[in-house]
Protein backbone atom coordinates (compact mmCIF):
# COMPACT_ATOMS: atom_id res chain seq x y z
CA UNK A 1 173.69 144.54 94.22
CA UNK A 2 174.27 141.39 92.73
CA UNK A 3 173.92 137.56 93.93
CA UNK A 4 175.73 134.65 93.82
CA UNK A 5 172.98 131.92 93.71
CA UNK A 6 175.63 129.32 93.83
CA UNK A 7 178.81 129.00 95.38
CA UNK A 8 180.47 126.34 97.51
CA UNK A 9 182.32 128.60 100.40
CA UNK A 10 182.75 125.65 102.54
CA UNK A 11 185.44 123.96 100.52
CA UNK A 12 188.99 124.03 101.68
CA UNK A 13 190.03 126.08 98.75
CA UNK A 14 188.63 129.33 100.80
CA UNK A 15 189.36 127.95 104.51
CA UNK A 16 191.91 130.08 104.64
CA UNK A 17 190.50 133.57 103.94
CA UNK A 18 187.34 133.19 103.84
CA UNK A 19 186.63 136.41 105.37
CA UNK A 20 189.27 137.79 102.36
CA UNK A 21 186.61 136.29 99.79
CA UNK A 22 183.41 137.64 101.53
CA UNK A 23 184.77 141.13 101.96
CA UNK A 24 185.85 140.88 98.04
CA UNK A 25 182.61 139.76 97.04
CA UNK A 26 180.85 143.11 98.80
CA UNK A 27 183.43 145.05 97.24
CA UNK A 28 182.54 143.68 93.81
CA UNK A 29 178.51 144.89 94.88
CA UNK A 30 177.17 141.17 95.58
CA UNK A 31 175.33 141.32 98.11
CA UNK A 32 174.36 137.94 99.18
CA UNK A 33 175.92 134.60 98.70
CA UNK A 34 174.46 130.94 98.59
CA UNK A 35 176.44 128.16 99.84
CA UNK A 36 175.26 125.01 98.38
CA UNK A 37 175.36 121.55 99.98
CA UNK A 38 176.94 118.74 98.62
CA UNK A 39 176.63 115.96 101.20
CA UNK A 40 175.08 115.59 104.09
CA UNK A 41 178.24 114.66 106.10
CA UNK A 42 179.45 117.81 105.83
CA UNK A 43 176.40 119.89 106.00
CA UNK A 44 177.63 120.86 109.63
CA UNK A 45 180.04 123.03 108.12
CA UNK A 46 178.59 124.53 105.35
CA UNK A 47 175.90 125.81 107.97
CA UNK A 48 178.68 126.99 110.07
CA UNK A 49 180.11 128.53 107.36
CA UNK A 50 176.56 130.39 106.28
CA UNK A 51 176.14 131.38 109.92
CA UNK A 52 179.42 133.39 110.41
CA UNK A 53 177.72 136.00 107.91
CA UNK A 54 174.54 138.17 107.77
CA UNK A 55 174.66 137.89 104.23
CA UNK A 56 175.20 134.05 103.03
CA UNK A 57 172.72 131.66 103.21
CA UNK A 58 173.06 128.14 102.42
CA UNK A 59 171.47 124.72 100.95
CA UNK A 60 170.84 120.99 102.20
CA UNK A 61 171.39 118.58 99.56
CA UNK A 62 173.52 115.45 98.05
CA UNK A 63 174.72 115.81 94.86
CA UNK A 64 174.61 113.39 92.44
CA UNK A 65 178.34 112.38 92.59
CA UNK A 66 177.33 111.18 96.16
CA UNK A 67 174.10 109.80 95.13
CA UNK A 68 175.45 106.28 96.09
CA UNK A 69 177.51 106.44 99.11
CA UNK A 70 174.86 109.04 100.72
CA UNK A 71 171.80 107.33 99.33
CA UNK A 72 168.54 108.65 100.98
CA UNK A 73 164.88 106.44 101.37
CA UNK A 74 163.08 109.15 101.94
CA UNK A 75 163.22 113.00 101.99
CA UNK A 76 163.36 112.94 105.64
CA UNK A 77 166.88 113.40 106.82
CA UNK A 78 166.38 116.43 104.45
CA UNK A 79 163.36 117.68 105.45
CA UNK A 80 164.97 117.90 109.22
CA UNK A 81 167.97 119.89 108.00
CA UNK A 82 165.80 123.23 106.97
CA UNK A 83 164.36 123.51 110.23
CA UNK A 84 167.61 125.18 110.19
CA UNK A 85 167.25 129.11 109.60
CA UNK A 86 170.06 129.42 107.28
CA UNK A 87 168.39 126.23 104.96
CA UNK A 88 166.72 128.25 101.92
CA UNK A 89 167.30 125.87 99.21
CA UNK A 90 167.38 122.37 98.86
CA UNK A 91 170.08 120.74 96.68
CA UNK A 92 172.13 120.76 95.02
CA UNK A 93 170.70 117.23 93.32
CA UNK A 94 169.68 116.02 90.08
CA UNK A 95 171.70 114.13 87.31
CA UNK A 96 175.39 113.63 85.76
CA UNK A 97 175.69 111.34 83.27
CA UNK A 98 178.73 113.02 82.01
CA UNK A 99 181.17 111.43 85.13
CA UNK A 100 178.81 108.59 86.44
CA UNK A 101 180.64 108.98 89.73
CA UNK A 102 177.36 107.27 91.44
CA UNK A 103 175.00 104.34 89.15
CA UNK A 104 172.06 106.03 87.56
CA UNK A 105 169.75 104.48 89.58
CA UNK A 106 170.97 106.26 92.30
CA UNK A 107 171.07 109.35 91.06
CA UNK A 108 167.45 109.13 90.19
CA UNK A 109 166.03 107.76 93.83
CA UNK A 110 168.20 110.59 95.38
CA UNK A 111 166.76 113.10 92.67
CA UNK A 112 162.87 112.23 93.76
CA UNK A 113 163.80 112.71 97.08
CA UNK A 114 164.77 116.07 96.73
CA UNK A 115 162.06 116.85 94.73
CA UNK A 116 160.01 115.59 97.50
CA UNK A 117 161.94 117.46 99.92
CA UNK A 118 161.10 120.61 98.34
CA UNK A 119 157.46 120.45 97.54
CA UNK A 120 156.31 119.56 101.41
CA UNK A 121 159.25 122.41 103.24
CA UNK A 122 158.39 124.58 99.95
CA UNK A 123 162.06 125.35 99.76
CA UNK A 124 163.23 125.58 95.79
CA UNK A 125 165.22 123.04 94.36
CA UNK A 126 168.71 123.63 92.95
CA UNK A 127 168.88 120.98 90.04
CA UNK A 128 172.37 119.91 88.64
CA UNK A 129 171.92 118.46 85.31
CA UNK A 130 174.76 117.41 83.13
CA UNK A 131 174.21 115.41 79.58
CA UNK A 132 170.83 113.78 81.00
CA UNK A 133 168.91 116.25 79.18
CA UNK A 134 165.71 113.44 78.59
CA UNK A 135 165.77 112.12 82.06
CA UNK A 136 165.96 115.62 83.68
CA UNK A 137 162.77 117.00 81.52
CA UNK A 138 161.00 113.08 82.40
CA UNK A 139 161.65 113.08 85.71
CA UNK A 140 160.48 116.91 86.52
CA UNK A 141 157.75 116.76 84.80
CA UNK A 142 156.10 113.45 86.40
CA UNK A 143 157.29 115.04 90.24
CA UNK A 144 155.21 118.35 88.92
CA UNK A 145 152.35 116.32 88.46
CA UNK A 146 152.24 114.89 91.56
CA UNK A 147 152.40 118.40 93.50
CA UNK A 148 154.04 121.83 92.53
CA UNK A 149 157.82 122.73 93.74
CA UNK A 150 159.78 125.78 92.85
CA UNK A 151 163.57 125.21 91.23
CA UNK A 152 166.34 126.32 89.88
CA UNK A 153 168.80 124.59 86.94
CA UNK A 154 172.25 126.03 88.35
CA UNK A 155 175.16 126.13 86.10
CA UNK A 156 172.82 125.68 83.10
CA UNK A 157 174.67 124.14 79.90
CA UNK A 158 172.05 122.09 78.20
CA UNK A 159 170.07 122.24 75.29
CA UNK A 160 167.26 124.74 74.58
CA UNK A 161 165.35 122.25 74.95
CA UNK A 162 166.06 121.24 77.98
CA UNK A 163 165.35 125.36 78.94
CA UNK A 164 162.08 125.68 77.46
CA UNK A 165 161.05 122.69 79.48
CA UNK A 166 161.89 124.33 82.93
CA UNK A 167 160.56 127.50 81.62
CA UNK A 168 157.41 125.67 80.90
CA UNK A 169 157.45 123.94 84.71
CA UNK A 170 158.08 127.69 86.08
CA UNK A 171 161.45 127.07 86.96
CA UNK A 172 164.63 129.40 86.80
CA UNK A 173 167.78 128.74 85.13
CA UNK A 174 171.45 130.53 86.06
CA UNK A 175 174.42 131.22 84.34
CA UNK A 176 177.78 130.23 85.48
CA UNK A 177 181.09 132.00 84.01
CA UNK A 178 180.76 129.10 81.54
CA UNK A 179 178.95 132.03 79.08
CA UNK A 180 181.61 134.34 79.12
CA UNK A 181 183.69 131.69 77.15
CA UNK A 182 185.04 131.71 73.95
CA UNK A 183 183.34 128.43 72.40
CA UNK A 184 180.04 129.03 74.61
CA UNK A 185 178.32 130.48 71.23
CA UNK A 186 175.39 128.23 71.41
CA UNK A 187 174.90 128.10 74.97
CA UNK A 188 174.72 132.40 74.66
CA UNK A 189 171.93 131.93 72.46
CA UNK A 190 170.15 129.79 74.59
CA UNK A 191 170.62 132.29 76.93
CA UNK A 192 169.61 135.20 74.96
CA UNK A 193 166.18 133.56 74.68
CA UNK A 194 165.62 133.40 78.30
CA UNK A 195 163.36 135.40 79.59
CA UNK A 196 164.75 138.23 81.97
CA UNK A 197 163.03 137.17 84.72
CA UNK A 198 163.50 133.83 84.80
CA UNK A 199 167.12 134.37 85.29
CA UNK A 200 169.83 134.12 88.38
CA UNK A 201 173.61 134.31 87.89
CA UNK A 202 176.29 132.43 90.06
CA UNK A 203 179.98 131.48 90.06
CA UNK A 204 179.86 127.86 91.11
CA UNK A 205 182.90 128.97 93.08
CA UNK A 206 185.64 127.76 93.13
CA UNK A 207 184.86 126.27 89.86
CA UNK A 208 184.49 127.81 86.41
CA UNK A 209 185.76 131.45 86.94
CA UNK A 210 184.68 133.08 84.17
CA UNK A 211 186.80 135.62 81.70
CA UNK A 212 189.07 137.00 82.20
CA UNK A 213 189.61 134.91 85.06
CA UNK A 214 189.26 132.05 83.17
CA UNK A 215 191.72 128.93 84.92
CA UNK A 216 191.83 130.54 88.21
CA UNK A 217 190.27 129.84 91.49
CA UNK A 218 186.67 131.49 91.21
CA UNK A 219 185.34 133.45 94.05
CA UNK A 220 182.10 135.20 94.50
CA UNK A 221 183.17 138.91 93.21
CA UNK A 222 184.11 137.42 89.99
CA UNK A 223 180.14 136.89 89.56
CA UNK A 224 179.95 140.36 88.63
CA UNK A 225 181.82 138.86 85.21
CA UNK A 226 179.03 136.89 84.40
CA UNK A 227 176.33 139.36 85.04
CA UNK A 228 178.14 141.80 82.62
CA UNK A 229 178.18 139.27 80.00
CA UNK A 230 174.52 138.44 80.55
CA UNK A 231 173.74 141.55 79.98
CA UNK A 232 175.18 142.35 77.13
CA UNK A 233 174.07 139.62 75.49
CA UNK A 234 170.20 140.48 76.52
CA UNK A 235 171.18 144.05 75.34
CA UNK A 236 170.42 145.78 79.07
CA UNK A 237 172.58 147.88 81.31
CA UNK A 238 174.61 145.81 84.17
CA UNK A 239 172.05 147.27 86.79
CA UNK A 240 169.15 146.39 85.00
CA UNK A 241 170.53 142.77 84.99
CA UNK A 242 171.43 143.23 88.80
CA UNK A 243 168.26 144.30 89.83
CA UNK A 244 166.25 141.70 87.80
CA UNK A 245 168.59 138.57 88.86
CA UNK A 246 168.67 139.53 92.21
CA UNK A 247 164.51 140.16 92.59
CA UNK A 248 164.48 136.64 90.84
CA UNK A 249 166.52 135.24 93.58
CA UNK A 250 164.24 136.59 96.38
CA UNK A 251 161.49 135.21 94.73
CA UNK A 252 162.37 132.29 94.17
CA UNK A 253 164.12 131.55 97.72
CA UNK A 254 162.14 133.33 99.79
CA UNK A 255 163.28 132.16 102.96
CA UNK A 256 166.19 133.98 102.73
CA UNK A 257 165.91 138.16 103.43
CA UNK A 258 167.84 141.26 101.70
CA UNK A 259 170.53 142.89 103.58
CA UNK A 260 169.49 145.35 105.82
CA UNK A 261 169.96 149.39 104.98
CA UNK A 262 173.80 150.06 105.08
CA UNK A 263 174.85 146.61 104.58
CA UNK A 264 176.15 145.26 101.80
């Protein structure tokens, strides 16, 4: 069984055929999906989509792009929504200095509020970071010193230095379809050095479809291609990679439960 540890099933891209998307994921061996919150204003839809399927969980968070439009002064709004049984993680949150759709100060403030929520609830933090390695490392280290929390750097495209810092802090690192792209040699070299017991796989669907589907709308079933590429890179079988990343997912997202026998 594979787990798509990061997708956006409530996005309009999937609305007309969400049942078929989930069915194709199951057929591809994807037993669990984690649908990620990006705005508090759309969280009810995230939750409703997750509630429709036993094998779909969700998170609550504010994407760094939305940090100005949905600024929060404390962890309280996030913590309140984690009472829902389907919510298993905090985020996505973090820093995006590539697009900078929100001021850096707003991104940093929201990032720290999310970390506080993760620390207080015991739920893992889902980190989005792009072109912001220095500040991401600094904030994660500062906040970890205040009290431990768990988490994952999703859709990792950063430097080896960022990966090493995340591993040092006990965080997990997730591979998206980008690792299959022809020009991702440097990224593959970094993933080759990340221990198997700290890896997750994801689609970030509907974005970043892996080869051979690059350029098309991504969907959870396609995580199988990313897993196969990662297995080849790590010199293990696809089955070993699937078992390791699935176990890692449930080790990190402890509130999520494995599918029952006979459910895929």
